[in-house]
Amino acid sequence: MSTQNNGGLAAVHAAALSGASAAALSAAADSTAAAPAAKPDNAAAEPARSSPSVADDRARSKQILGSDAAKGREELAHYFAFETDMTAAAAIAALEKAPKAVASRLDEAMKNFQPKVDAAEGDTAAGAVKLSAGLGAAVARQLAKIGKKPKLAAH
């Protein structure tokens, strides 16, 4: 706490002890609050931190994301590039130690799957009726399995 603030607090304390009015106490408190706080004596000893320039940060992110270690570990590479202050070298070293992401079994099964769809069948009214009838039959079969009868919609 600065000497100036100590003096201000002493003035508020003295005014309170002397039975001063609320307005006088408020004025003394306002003058104390307006006084700037002094820096601690050891503040000069702390070095000023410099933030990296935008260009430096972009270059660092580009190094991390463009590295061979980032391939297969894209999510982790993005985290290191945008959410940490790690150096590019440290981030790349960590990426090299991390396991690569593994595609799910569904992703692997669907990779080369080509569904057979006859687009022309649904393009006509007759095709739409055929698809609808097929769906209705499938629903009726499922309901029969659980012992229920389908309710037919009135047209």
Foldseek 3Di string as FASTA:
>chain_A
DDPLLVVLVVVLVVCVVVVHDPVVSVVSVVVSVPDDDDDDPCPVVDDDDDDDDPVVLVVQLCLQQVDPLCVQVVVQSCCCSPVDPDGSVVSSVVSNVDDGDDDDPVCVVCVPDDDDDDVVLCPDPNSVVVVVVVVVVVVQVVCVVVPHGDDDDDD
